[in-house]
Structures are given as structure tokens and as C-alpha cells.
Amino acid sequence: MRKRAGSTSQEEEEVRGGEFKKGDGGREFEKEGAMMYLRSESPEETQRLGEEMGRLAMPGDLFLLVGGLGAGKTCLTQGIAWGLGIAGYATSPSFVVINQYRGRLPLYHIDLYRLDSIEEVIDLGLDDYLYGSGVCVVEWAEKAVEVLPTEHLLVEFSFLSDTSRNLVLNPSGERYVEMLSRLEQRPKIVKRRMSQT
């Protein structure tokens, strides 16, 4: 069950520790606590990561995406959609705020780019999506982090070059720690797992 922001529980635990591993083929993976650092060299690699996330997605999953314009948030969402068995390309819902897609699970693609205040986010009435049985992807999540559920997978994008991106996957909640553990074992994950630069 997902908790609203600001709620607390005695069952909540902080994931600590870290390790550095070298994977096969010279790939590197850095884990700080439960965070995962990846490097994508192309939109296709970002989509491939999203596809693996979509395959692992379960009802109620929430992915929060943070990064500048053109950083790859919609590419990742396209991959998530494909992993859920949704044909075609997910498009950014910047003007309509929410796009809905039907696949193995419903996908709710939410884009907060055009919203200017937390009140506007609250007025959208997103609870049915965020606490429902579908999968939610929220672009520009930093605009509403105070009102979004506390359990989620945060994906932060940063530019390295025109096509290369660093991605930091930061789980909040055991469900997402488990998801990263399973992603780590997937062979199709982004080719270069790199330590943060």
C-alpha cells in the first residue's frame, strides 16, 4: 500500500550501505544504498530500460521522472508502455496533462510541465490515478513532490552530450528496492552501467 507524502510508519526502514560491482563485459554498476546509476548512450537505450521497467511493473507502481527538456523522460515512458504491452509511441501529455493507455496494466502518463503551483496539481484530483491499480508515470515530478505518494521510483536524468544521459534511479519503499534488484539482473538493461560522473 502506498503512503501519502508526510505519513510515517514504524515499518519504514532506511536502506543503507553500498557496494561497487563490475559486471560482465566491462559494465559497471554503482549502488549507494539502493540507488542505481546508469548511463544511456541513445534514446533507444533509454527506451530499452523503460521496457524492462514496464515488464516488471505491478498494479499501483509509481515512477517519478525529473530532468530538463529533452532529457529522455518521454523516451523512458515509451519503453515502459512497450513493456506493458502497449503498441505505438507514448507521447508527452504536456497540453492535456494526462494520457491513458491500455496494456497488461493501464498506464497513466502525467506531465506537470505546464503547471505553475502545487495548488494546480492538487486541483487535478490525481488520487484516483496515483492510488489506483494502474501504473503512473509523472514527468516533471519535482513540481509536486510534496503531494505525491512517498513510495515511488524516482528517475533523475542529466545530460552528458546530445545523445548520452546519466540516469539515477532512487527507490523509496521496499517494492522499488526489489524492482532495482530485479533490473540489475536483466540482460537488456542499458548497456553501460556507469558510476556517477
N, C-alpha and C. Protein backbone atom coordinates (compact mmCIF):
# COMPACT_ATOMS: atom_id res chain seq x y z
N MET A 1 0.84 -1.18 0.00
CA MET A 1 0.00 0.00 0.00
C MET A 1 0.89 1.25 0.00
N ARG A 2 0.59 2.17 -0.84
CA ARG A 2 1.38 3.38 -0.96
C ARG A 2 0.98 4.40 0.07
N LYS A 3 1.96 5.10 0.64
CA LYS A 3 1.68 6.12 1.64
C LYS A 3 1.71 7.50 1.02
N ARG A 4 0.87 8.38 1.51
CA ARG A 4 0.88 9.76 1.06
C ARG A 4 2.11 10.46 1.64
N ALA A 5 2.55 11.49 0.96
CA ALA A 5 3.68 12.28 1.44
C ALA A 5 3.37 12.79 2.84
N GLY A 6 4.37 12.76 3.69
CA GLY A 6 4.20 13.26 5.05
C GLY A 6 3.77 12.21 6.04
N SER A 7 3.33 11.02 5.57
CA SER A 7 2.92 9.98 6.50
C SER A 7 4.15 9.23 6.99
N THR A 8 4.04 8.63 8.16
CA THR A 8 5.15 7.86 8.71
C THR A 8 4.65 6.52 9.19
N SER A 9 5.56 5.59 9.35
CA SER A 9 5.20 4.27 9.83
C SER A 9 6.41 3.66 10.52
N GLN A 10 6.17 2.87 11.56
CA GLN A 10 7.27 2.20 12.24
C GLN A 10 7.91 1.15 11.34
N GLU A 11 7.15 0.70 10.33
CA GLU A 11 7.66 -0.33 9.45
C GLU A 11 8.62 0.23 8.39
N GLU A 12 8.65 1.57 8.22
CA GLU A 12 9.54 2.15 7.24
C GLU A 12 10.97 1.96 7.69
N GLU A 13 11.83 1.54 6.76
CA GLU A 13 13.23 1.37 7.06
C GLU A 13 14.05 2.14 6.05
N GLU A 14 15.21 2.59 6.50
CA GLU A 14 16.10 3.29 5.59
C GLU A 14 17.10 2.28 5.03
N VAL A 15 17.25 2.30 3.71
CA VAL A 15 18.20 1.40 3.08
C VAL A 15 19.57 2.05 3.18
N ARG A 16 20.53 1.30 3.70
CA ARG A 16 21.87 1.84 3.91
C ARG A 16 22.91 0.95 3.26
N GLY A 17 24.13 1.44 3.27
CA GLY A 17 25.23 0.66 2.74
C GLY A 17 25.43 0.95 1.27
N GLY A 18 26.38 0.29 0.70
CA GLY A 18 26.66 0.49 -0.71
C GLY A 18 27.78 -0.43 -1.14
N GLU A 19 27.85 -0.68 -2.41
CA GLU A 19 28.90 -1.53 -2.92
C GLU A 19 29.15 -1.15 -4.36
N PHE A 20 30.31 -1.52 -4.82
CA PHE A 20 30.68 -1.28 -6.19
C PHE A 20 30.93 -2.62 -6.85
N LYS A 21 30.32 -2.85 -8.01
CA LYS A 21 30.50 -4.12 -8.71
C LYS A 21 30.91 -3.83 -10.14
N LYS A 22 31.71 -4.72 -10.70
CA LYS A 22 31.98 -4.68 -12.13
C LYS A 22 31.20 -5.84 -12.73
N GLY A 23 30.37 -5.52 -13.70
CA GLY A 23 29.56 -6.54 -14.34
C GLY A 23 30.29 -7.16 -15.52
N ASP A 24 29.61 -8.06 -16.23
CA ASP A 24 30.21 -8.71 -17.38
C ASP A 24 30.42 -7.70 -18.51
N GLY A 25 31.37 -7.98 -19.35
CA GLY A 25 31.62 -7.13 -20.49
C GLY A 25 32.15 -5.76 -20.12
N GLY A 26 32.73 -5.60 -18.94
CA GLY A 26 33.28 -4.32 -18.55
C GLY A 26 32.24 -3.33 -18.06
N ARG A 27 30.98 -3.73 -17.97
CA ARG A 27 29.95 -2.82 -17.49
C ARG A 27 30.15 -2.57 -16.01
N GLU A 28 29.82 -1.38 -15.59
CA GLU A 28 29.96 -1.03 -14.19
C GLU A 28 28.60 -0.68 -13.61
N PHE A 29 28.45 -0.97 -12.35
CA PHE A 29 27.21 -0.68 -11.64
C PHE A 29 27.58 -0.17 -10.26
N GLU A 30 27.06 0.98 -9.92
CA GLU A 30 27.33 1.52 -8.60
C GLU A 30 26.03 1.56 -7.82
N LYS A 31 26.10 1.06 -6.61
CA LYS A 31 24.92 1.02 -5.77
C LYS A 31 25.25 1.73 -4.47
N GLU A 32 24.59 2.84 -4.21
CA GLU A 32 24.74 3.57 -2.96
C GLU A 32 23.44 3.37 -2.22
N GLY A 33 23.47 2.60 -1.15
CA GLY A 33 22.20 2.22 -0.56
C GLY A 33 21.52 1.37 -1.60
N ALA A 34 20.40 1.81 -2.07
CA ALA A 34 19.70 1.06 -3.10
C ALA A 34 19.64 1.83 -4.41
N MET A 35 20.33 2.95 -4.53
CA MET A 35 20.29 3.74 -5.75
C MET A 35 21.07 3.05 -6.86
N MET A 36 20.64 3.27 -8.10
CA MET A 36 21.31 2.71 -9.25
C MET A 36 21.70 3.85 -10.18
N TYR A 37 22.94 3.84 -10.65
CA TYR A 37 23.42 4.86 -11.59
C TYR A 37 23.64 4.19 -12.94
N LEU A 38 23.02 4.73 -13.97
CA LEU A 38 23.14 4.17 -15.31
C LEU A 38 23.54 5.26 -16.29
N ARG A 39 24.12 4.83 -17.39
CA ARG A 39 24.45 5.74 -18.48
C ARG A 39 23.78 5.21 -19.74
N SER A 40 23.01 6.05 -20.40
CA SER A 40 22.37 5.70 -21.66
C SER A 40 23.05 6.48 -22.77
N GLU A 41 23.42 5.79 -23.83
CA GLU A 41 24.10 6.43 -24.95
C GLU A 41 23.15 6.84 -26.07
N SER A 42 21.86 6.51 -25.94
CA SER A 42 20.91 6.83 -27.02
C SER A 42 19.48 6.78 -26.51
N PRO A 43 18.56 7.41 -27.25
CA PRO A 43 17.15 7.27 -26.88
C PRO A 43 16.70 5.81 -26.86
N GLU A 44 17.25 5.00 -27.77
CA GLU A 44 16.87 3.58 -27.82
C GLU A 44 17.29 2.84 -26.55
N GLU A 45 18.45 3.17 -26.01
CA GLU A 45 18.86 2.55 -24.75
C GLU A 45 17.95 2.98 -23.60
N THR A 46 17.54 4.24 -23.61
CA THR A 46 16.62 4.73 -22.58
C THR A 46 15.29 4.01 -22.71
N GLN A 47 14.82 3.84 -23.94
CA GLN A 47 13.57 3.10 -24.16
C GLN A 47 13.71 1.65 -23.70
N ARG A 48 14.87 1.05 -23.96
CA ARG A 48 15.10 -0.34 -23.54
C ARG A 48 15.02 -0.48 -22.02
N LEU A 49 15.60 0.48 -21.29
CA LEU A 49 15.49 0.48 -19.83
C LEU A 49 14.02 0.58 -19.42
N GLY A 50 13.29 1.51 -20.04
CA GLY A 50 11.87 1.66 -19.74
C GLY A 50 11.09 0.39 -20.01
N GLU A 51 11.43 -0.29 -21.10
CA GLU A 51 10.73 -1.53 -21.44
C GLU A 51 10.93 -2.58 -20.34
N GLU A 52 12.15 -2.67 -19.83
CA GLU A 52 12.39 -3.60 -18.73
C GLU A 52 11.61 -3.19 -17.48
N MET A 53 11.54 -1.89 -17.21
CA MET A 53 10.75 -1.42 -16.07
C MET A 53 9.27 -1.77 -16.26
N GLY A 54 8.76 -1.59 -17.48
CA GLY A 54 7.37 -1.92 -17.77
C GLY A 54 7.08 -3.40 -17.59
N ARG A 55 8.02 -4.25 -17.96
CA ARG A 55 7.84 -5.70 -17.78
C ARG A 55 7.75 -6.06 -16.30
N LEU A 56 8.48 -5.32 -15.47
CA LEU A 56 8.49 -5.59 -14.03
C LEU A 56 7.36 -4.88 -13.28
N ALA A 57 6.67 -3.96 -13.95
CA ALA A 57 5.66 -3.12 -13.28
C ALA A 57 4.51 -3.96 -12.74
N MET A 58 4.00 -3.49 -11.61
CA MET A 58 2.87 -4.12 -10.95
C MET A 58 1.78 -3.06 -10.72
N PRO A 59 0.55 -3.51 -10.46
CA PRO A 59 -0.52 -2.53 -10.19
C PRO A 59 -0.13 -1.58 -9.05
N GLY A 60 -0.36 -0.31 -9.27
CA GLY A 60 -0.08 0.70 -8.25
C GLY A 60 1.31 1.29 -8.31
N ASP A 61 2.17 0.82 -9.24
CA ASP A 61 3.52 1.35 -9.33
C ASP A 61 3.50 2.82 -9.75
N LEU A 62 4.48 3.57 -9.23
CA LEU A 62 4.60 5.00 -9.49
C LEU A 62 6.05 5.33 -9.83
N PHE A 63 6.26 5.89 -11.03
CA PHE A 63 7.57 6.31 -11.48
C PHE A 63 7.58 7.83 -11.61
N LEU A 64 8.46 8.49 -10.86
CA LEU A 64 8.58 9.94 -10.89
C LEU A 64 9.81 10.30 -11.71
N LEU A 65 9.63 11.10 -12.76
CA LEU A 65 10.71 11.45 -13.67
C LEU A 65 11.07 12.91 -13.53
N VAL A 66 12.37 13.17 -13.40
CA VAL A 66 12.88 14.52 -13.20
C VAL A 66 14.04 14.74 -14.17
N GLY A 67 14.01 15.86 -14.88
CA GLY A 67 15.10 16.20 -15.80
C GLY A 67 14.65 17.31 -16.72
N GLY A 68 15.59 17.96 -17.36
CA GLY A 68 15.30 19.09 -18.24
C GLY A 68 14.57 18.69 -19.51
N LEU A 69 14.20 19.70 -20.28
CA LEU A 69 13.56 19.46 -21.57
C LEU A 69 14.49 18.63 -22.45
N GLY A 70 13.94 17.58 -23.05
CA GLY A 70 14.73 16.75 -23.95
C GLY A 70 15.68 15.78 -23.27
N ALA A 71 15.52 15.60 -21.97
CA ALA A 71 16.45 14.73 -21.22
C ALA A 71 16.18 13.25 -21.42
N GLY A 72 14.98 12.88 -21.86
CA GLY A 72 14.67 11.47 -22.09
C GLY A 72 13.50 10.93 -21.30
N LYS A 73 12.77 11.80 -20.63
CA LYS A 73 11.65 11.35 -19.79
C LYS A 73 10.57 10.64 -20.63
N THR A 74 10.23 11.22 -21.77
CA THR A 74 9.21 10.60 -22.62
C THR A 74 9.74 9.34 -23.28
N CYS A 75 11.03 9.29 -23.62
CA CYS A 75 11.63 8.05 -24.17
C CYS A 75 11.50 6.91 -23.16
N LEU A 76 11.79 7.20 -21.90
CA LEU A 76 11.67 6.18 -20.87
C LEU A 76 10.21 5.73 -20.76
N THR A 77 9.29 6.67 -20.82
CA THR A 77 7.86 6.35 -20.73
C THR A 77 7.42 5.50 -21.91
N GLN A 78 7.94 5.78 -23.10
CA GLN A 78 7.62 4.95 -24.27
C GLN A 78 8.03 3.51 -24.01
N GLY A 79 9.23 3.32 -23.45
CA GLY A 79 9.68 1.97 -23.13
C GLY A 79 8.81 1.30 -22.09
N ILE A 80 8.43 2.04 -21.06
CA ILE A 80 7.54 1.48 -20.03
C ILE A 80 6.24 1.00 -20.68
N ALA A 81 5.70 1.82 -21.59
CA ALA A 81 4.47 1.45 -22.30
C ALA A 81 4.68 0.15 -23.08
N TRP A 82 5.78 0.03 -23.79
CA TRP A 82 6.05 -1.19 -24.55
C TRP A 82 6.17 -2.39 -23.62
N GLY A 83 6.81 -2.20 -22.47
CA GLY A 83 6.94 -3.28 -21.51
C GLY A 83 5.61 -3.72 -20.93
N LEU A 84 4.63 -2.83 -20.98
CA LEU A 84 3.27 -3.16 -20.54
C LEU A 84 2.42 -3.72 -21.68
N GLY A 85 3.02 -3.88 -22.86
CA GLY A 85 2.30 -4.44 -24.00
C GLY A 85 1.48 -3.42 -24.76
N ILE A 86 1.80 -2.15 -24.63
CA ILE A 86 1.09 -1.08 -25.33
C ILE A 86 1.80 -0.82 -26.65
N ALA A 87 1.06 -0.89 -27.75
CA ALA A 87 1.64 -0.68 -29.08
C ALA A 87 1.77 0.82 -29.36
N GLY A 88 2.67 1.16 -30.23
CA GLY A 88 2.83 2.56 -30.64
C GLY A 88 3.71 3.33 -29.66
N TYR A 89 3.71 4.64 -29.84
CA TYR A 89 4.55 5.52 -29.04
C TYR A 89 3.71 6.32 -28.05
N ALA A 90 4.13 6.32 -26.81
CA ALA A 90 3.52 7.23 -25.82
C ALA A 90 4.02 8.63 -26.16
N THR A 91 3.12 9.59 -26.15
CA THR A 91 3.51 10.97 -26.44
C THR A 91 3.37 11.80 -25.16
N SER A 92 4.13 12.87 -25.10
CA SER A 92 4.10 13.72 -23.91
C SER A 92 2.75 14.42 -23.82
N PRO A 93 2.09 14.31 -22.67
CA PRO A 93 0.78 14.94 -22.50
C PRO A 93 0.86 16.37 -21.98
N SER A 94 1.84 17.13 -22.45
CA SER A 94 2.06 18.49 -21.92
C SER A 94 0.82 19.37 -21.99
N PHE A 95 0.04 19.25 -23.04
CA PHE A 95 -1.12 20.14 -23.19
C PHE A 95 -2.38 19.58 -22.56
N VAL A 96 -2.45 18.26 -22.40
CA VAL A 96 -3.65 17.65 -21.82
C VAL A 96 -3.40 17.15 -20.40
N VAL A 97 -2.20 17.16 -19.93
CA VAL A 97 -1.73 16.77 -18.60
C VAL A 97 -1.70 15.25 -18.41
N ILE A 98 -2.72 14.51 -18.84
CA ILE A 98 -2.74 13.06 -18.62
C ILE A 98 -3.12 12.34 -19.91
N ASN A 99 -2.30 11.35 -20.28
CA ASN A 99 -2.64 10.40 -21.35
C ASN A 99 -2.84 9.05 -20.69
N GLN A 100 -3.84 8.31 -21.18
CA GLN A 100 -4.11 6.97 -20.66
C GLN A 100 -3.91 5.96 -21.78
N TYR A 101 -3.27 4.85 -21.44
CA TYR A 101 -3.01 3.79 -22.41
C TYR A 101 -3.44 2.46 -21.79
N ARG A 102 -3.91 1.55 -22.63
CA ARG A 102 -4.33 0.23 -22.17
C ARG A 102 -3.35 -0.83 -22.62
N GLY A 103 -2.88 -1.61 -21.66
CA GLY A 103 -1.99 -2.72 -21.94
C GLY A 103 -2.24 -3.79 -20.90
N ARG A 104 -1.21 -4.54 -20.56
CA ARG A 104 -1.32 -5.54 -19.49
C ARG A 104 -1.88 -4.90 -18.22
N LEU A 105 -1.45 -3.67 -17.97
CA LEU A 105 -1.98 -2.81 -16.90
C LEU A 105 -2.25 -1.45 -17.53
N PRO A 106 -3.19 -0.69 -16.99
CA PRO A 106 -3.37 0.67 -17.51
C PRO A 106 -2.13 1.52 -17.20
N LEU A 107 -1.75 2.38 -18.13
CA LEU A 107 -0.65 3.31 -17.93
C LEU A 107 -1.22 4.72 -17.92
N TYR A 108 -0.93 5.46 -16.87
CA TYR A 108 -1.34 6.86 -16.75
C TYR A 108 -0.08 7.71 -16.83
N HIS A 109 0.06 8.42 -17.93
CA HIS A 109 1.23 9.25 -18.20
C HIS A 109 0.85 10.69 -17.88
N ILE A 110 1.42 11.22 -16.81
CA ILE A 110 1.06 12.53 -16.28
C ILE A 110 2.23 13.48 -16.50
N ASP A 111 1.97 14.65 -17.04
CA ASP A 111 3.01 15.64 -17.31
C ASP A 111 2.65 16.94 -16.61
N LEU A 112 3.48 17.34 -15.66
CA LEU A 112 3.20 18.54 -14.86
C LEU A 112 3.94 19.78 -15.38
N TYR A 113 4.53 19.70 -16.56
CA TYR A 113 5.35 20.79 -17.09
C TYR A 113 4.64 22.14 -17.10
N ARG A 114 3.40 22.18 -17.52
CA ARG A 114 2.69 23.45 -17.68
C ARG A 114 2.03 23.96 -16.40
N LEU A 115 2.18 23.23 -15.32
CA LEU A 115 1.56 23.67 -14.06
C LEU A 115 2.55 24.54 -13.29
N ASP A 116 2.02 25.59 -12.68
CA ASP A 116 2.88 26.57 -12.02
C ASP A 116 2.85 26.51 -10.49
N SER A 117 1.89 25.81 -9.92
CA SER A 117 1.80 25.80 -8.46
C SER A 117 1.32 24.45 -7.96
N ILE A 118 1.61 24.19 -6.71
CA ILE A 118 1.16 22.95 -6.07
C ILE A 118 -0.36 22.90 -6.02
N GLU A 119 -0.99 24.05 -5.91
CA GLU A 119 -2.46 24.10 -5.88
C GLU A 119 -3.04 23.58 -7.19
N GLU A 120 -2.40 23.93 -8.32
CA GLU A 120 -2.86 23.43 -9.62
C GLU A 120 -2.76 21.91 -9.68
N VAL A 121 -1.71 21.36 -9.11
CA VAL A 121 -1.54 19.90 -9.08
C VAL A 121 -2.65 19.28 -8.23
N ILE A 122 -2.90 19.85 -7.07
CA ILE A 122 -3.94 19.33 -6.18
C ILE A 122 -5.30 19.39 -6.86
N ASP A 123 -5.56 20.48 -7.58
CA ASP A 123 -6.84 20.65 -8.27
C ASP A 123 -7.09 19.62 -9.36
N LEU A 124 -6.04 18.99 -9.85
CA LEU A 124 -6.21 17.97 -10.89
C LEU A 124 -6.93 16.73 -10.36
N GLY A 125 -6.88 16.50 -9.05
CA GLY A 125 -7.52 15.31 -8.48
C GLY A 125 -6.87 14.02 -8.97
N LEU A 126 -5.58 13.89 -8.82
CA LEU A 126 -4.84 12.75 -9.33
C LEU A 126 -4.92 11.49 -8.47
N ASP A 127 -5.55 11.58 -7.31
CA ASP A 127 -5.56 10.44 -6.38
C ASP A 127 -6.07 9.15 -7.01
N ASP A 128 -7.10 9.23 -7.86
CA ASP A 128 -7.63 8.02 -8.48
C ASP A 128 -6.57 7.33 -9.34
N TYR A 129 -5.70 8.10 -9.96
CA TYR A 129 -4.61 7.53 -10.75
C TYR A 129 -3.47 7.07 -9.84
N LEU A 130 -3.05 7.93 -8.94
CA LEU A 130 -1.88 7.65 -8.11
C LEU A 130 -2.10 6.50 -7.15
N TYR A 131 -3.31 6.31 -6.69
CA TYR A 131 -3.61 5.25 -5.72
C TYR A 131 -4.47 4.15 -6.32
N GLY A 132 -4.51 4.09 -7.66
CA GLY A 132 -5.32 3.10 -8.35
C GLY A 132 -4.54 1.84 -8.67
N SER A 133 -5.08 1.06 -9.60
CA SER A 133 -4.49 -0.24 -9.92
C SER A 133 -3.69 -0.21 -11.22
N GLY A 134 -3.45 0.98 -11.75
CA GLY A 134 -2.63 1.09 -12.95
C GLY A 134 -1.20 1.44 -12.59
N VAL A 135 -0.43 1.80 -13.61
CA VAL A 135 0.95 2.25 -13.45
C VAL A 135 0.97 3.73 -13.79
N CYS A 136 1.54 4.55 -12.92
CA CYS A 136 1.62 6.00 -13.15
C CYS A 136 3.06 6.41 -13.43
N VAL A 137 3.22 7.22 -14.46
CA VAL A 137 4.50 7.85 -14.77
C VAL A 137 4.24 9.36 -14.70
N VAL A 138 5.00 10.05 -13.87
CA VAL A 138 4.81 11.50 -13.69
C VAL A 138 6.07 12.22 -14.15
N GLU A 139 5.95 12.97 -15.26
CA GLU A 139 7.05 13.81 -15.73
C GLU A 139 7.00 15.15 -15.00
N TRP A 140 8.17 15.74 -14.78
CA TRP A 140 8.30 17.00 -14.05
C TRP A 140 7.77 16.83 -12.62
N ALA A 141 8.05 15.68 -12.04
CA ALA A 141 7.55 15.34 -10.70
C ALA A 141 8.04 16.28 -9.62
N GLU A 142 9.16 16.96 -9.85
CA GLU A 142 9.69 17.88 -8.83
C GLU A 142 8.71 19.01 -8.53
N LYS A 143 7.76 19.25 -9.42
CA LYS A 143 6.77 20.31 -9.20
C LYS A 143 5.72 19.92 -8.17
N ALA A 144 5.67 18.64 -7.80
CA ALA A 144 4.59 18.20 -6.91
C ALA A 144 5.04 17.18 -5.88
N VAL A 145 6.33 17.09 -5.63
CA VAL A 145 6.83 16.04 -4.76
C VAL A 145 6.16 16.05 -3.38
N GLU A 146 5.75 17.24 -2.91
CA GLU A 146 5.13 17.32 -1.57
C GLU A 146 3.78 16.62 -1.50
N VAL A 147 3.09 16.47 -2.63
CA VAL A 147 1.75 15.87 -2.59
C VAL A 147 1.69 14.51 -3.28
N LEU A 148 2.82 14.01 -3.75
CA LEU A 148 2.85 12.70 -4.39
C LEU A 148 3.13 11.63 -3.34
N PRO A 149 2.73 10.40 -3.60
CA PRO A 149 2.97 9.31 -2.64
C PRO A 149 4.45 9.19 -2.30
N THR A 150 4.73 8.83 -1.06
CA THR A 150 6.11 8.73 -0.59
C THR A 150 6.82 7.48 -1.12
N GLU A 151 6.08 6.46 -1.50
CA GLU A 151 6.68 5.26 -2.06
C GLU A 151 6.60 5.35 -3.57
N HIS A 152 7.78 5.31 -4.23
CA HIS A 152 7.86 5.50 -5.67
C HIS A 152 9.28 5.17 -6.13
N LEU A 153 9.47 5.17 -7.44
CA LEU A 153 10.81 5.09 -8.01
C LEU A 153 11.08 6.42 -8.70
N LEU A 154 12.05 7.15 -8.19
CA LEU A 154 12.44 8.43 -8.75
C LEU A 154 13.55 8.19 -9.77
N VAL A 155 13.37 8.71 -10.99
CA VAL A 155 14.39 8.60 -12.03
C VAL A 155 14.81 10.01 -12.41
N GLU A 156 16.09 10.32 -12.15
CA GLU A 156 16.63 11.65 -12.45
C GLU A 156 17.54 11.56 -13.67
N PHE A 157 17.29 12.44 -14.64
CA PHE A 157 18.06 12.47 -15.89
C PHE A 157 18.99 13.67 -15.88
N SER A 158 20.23 13.47 -16.36
CA SER A 158 21.12 14.61 -16.58
C SER A 158 21.85 14.40 -17.91
N PHE A 159 22.11 15.52 -18.58
CA PHE A 159 22.75 15.50 -19.90
C PHE A 159 24.24 15.24 -19.78
N LEU A 160 24.75 14.38 -20.66
CA LEU A 160 26.19 14.20 -20.83
C LEU A 160 26.62 14.75 -22.20
N SER A 161 25.76 14.53 -23.21
CA SER A 161 26.00 15.01 -24.56
C SER A 161 24.65 15.08 -25.27
N ASP A 162 24.67 15.30 -26.58
CA ASP A 162 23.41 15.36 -27.32
C ASP A 162 22.58 14.09 -27.17
N THR A 163 23.25 12.95 -27.09
CA THR A 163 22.52 11.68 -27.01
C THR A 163 22.74 10.91 -25.72
N SER A 164 23.78 11.24 -24.97
CA SER A 164 24.10 10.48 -23.75
C SER A 164 23.49 11.12 -22.51
N ARG A 165 23.02 10.27 -21.61
CA ARG A 165 22.42 10.74 -20.37
C ARG A 165 22.90 9.88 -19.20
N ASN A 166 23.04 10.52 -18.05
CA ASN A 166 23.17 9.79 -16.79
C ASN A 166 21.77 9.67 -16.22
N LEU A 167 21.44 8.50 -15.71
CA LEU A 167 20.16 8.28 -15.04
C LEU A 167 20.44 7.77 -13.64
N VAL A 168 19.80 8.37 -12.67
CA VAL A 168 19.90 7.92 -11.29
C VAL A 168 18.53 7.40 -10.89
N LEU A 169 18.46 6.13 -10.53
CA LEU A 169 17.21 5.51 -10.10
C LEU A 169 17.26 5.41 -8.59
N ASN A 170 16.33 6.09 -7.93
CA ASN A 170 16.34 6.19 -6.47
C ASN A 170 15.01 5.64 -5.93
N PRO A 171 15.04 4.44 -5.34
CA PRO A 171 13.80 3.83 -4.85
C PRO A 171 13.40 4.37 -3.49
N SER A 172 12.12 4.53 -3.30
CA SER A 172 11.57 4.87 -1.99
C SER A 172 10.49 3.84 -1.68
N GLY A 173 10.83 2.89 -0.82
CA GLY A 173 9.91 1.81 -0.47
C GLY A 173 10.47 0.48 -0.94
N GLU A 174 10.17 -0.57 -0.20
CA GLU A 174 10.69 -1.91 -0.48
C GLU A 174 10.33 -2.41 -1.87
N ARG A 175 9.13 -2.09 -2.35
CA ARG A 175 8.71 -2.52 -3.68
C ARG A 175 9.73 -2.08 -4.73
N TYR A 176 10.21 -0.85 -4.62
CA TYR A 176 11.10 -0.28 -5.62
C TYR A 176 12.55 -0.70 -5.41
N VAL A 177 12.93 -0.98 -4.18
CA VAL A 177 14.25 -1.57 -3.92
C VAL A 177 14.30 -2.95 -4.60
N GLU A 178 13.22 -3.72 -4.45
CA GLU A 178 13.14 -5.03 -5.09
C GLU A 178 13.18 -4.89 -6.61
N MET A 179 12.48 -3.89 -7.16
CA MET A 179 12.47 -3.68 -8.60
C MET A 179 13.89 -3.42 -9.12
N LEU A 180 14.65 -2.57 -8.42
CA LEU A 180 16.02 -2.30 -8.85
C LEU A 180 16.88 -3.55 -8.78
N SER A 181 16.67 -4.36 -7.77
CA SER A 181 17.41 -5.61 -7.65
C SER A 181 17.11 -6.51 -8.85
N ARG A 182 15.87 -6.54 -9.27
CA ARG A 182 15.49 -7.36 -10.43
C ARG A 182 15.99 -6.73 -11.72
N LEU A 183 15.98 -5.40 -11.82
CA LEU A 183 16.51 -4.73 -13.01
C LEU A 183 17.99 -5.03 -13.19
N GLU A 184 18.71 -5.09 -12.08
CA GLU A 184 20.14 -5.34 -12.10
C GLU A 184 20.44 -6.67 -12.78
N GLN A 185 19.52 -7.61 -12.70
CA GLN A 185 19.73 -8.94 -13.26
C GLN A 185 19.27 -9.07 -14.70
N ARG A 186 18.64 -8.03 -15.25
CA ARG A 186 18.11 -8.09 -16.61
C ARG A 186 19.21 -7.89 -17.65
N PRO A 187 19.29 -8.76 -18.67
CA PRO A 187 20.35 -8.63 -19.67
C PRO A 187 20.15 -7.47 -20.64
N LYS A 188 18.91 -6.99 -20.84
CA LYS A 188 18.66 -5.94 -21.82
C LYS A 188 18.76 -4.54 -21.25
N ILE A 189 19.13 -4.43 -20.00
CA ILE A 189 19.22 -3.12 -19.37
C ILE A 189 20.27 -2.28 -20.10
N VAL A 190 20.20 -0.99 -19.96
CA VAL A 190 21.14 -0.07 -20.61
C VAL A 190 22.55 -0.67 -20.62
N LYS A 191 23.17 -0.67 -21.77
CA LYS A 191 24.45 -1.36 -21.95
C LYS A 191 25.52 -0.93 -20.98
N ARG A 192 25.65 0.34 -20.76
CA ARG A 192 26.74 0.84 -19.92
C ARG A 192 26.20 1.27 -18.56
N ARG A 193 26.46 0.46 -17.58
CA ARG A 193 26.11 0.84 -16.21
C ARG A 193 27.33 1.56 -15.65
N MET A 194 27.20 2.83 -15.46
CA MET A 194 28.38 3.62 -15.12
C MET A 194 28.21 4.24 -13.73
N SER A 195 29.35 4.44 -13.07
CA SER A 195 29.30 5.17 -11.83
C SER A 195 29.02 6.62 -12.15
N GLN A 196 28.46 7.32 -11.20
CA GLN A 196 28.09 8.72 -11.40
C GLN A 196 29.33 9.54 -11.66
N THR A 197 29.26 10.43 -12.68
CA THR A 197 30.42 11.26 -13.00
C THR A 197 30.15 12.69 -12.63
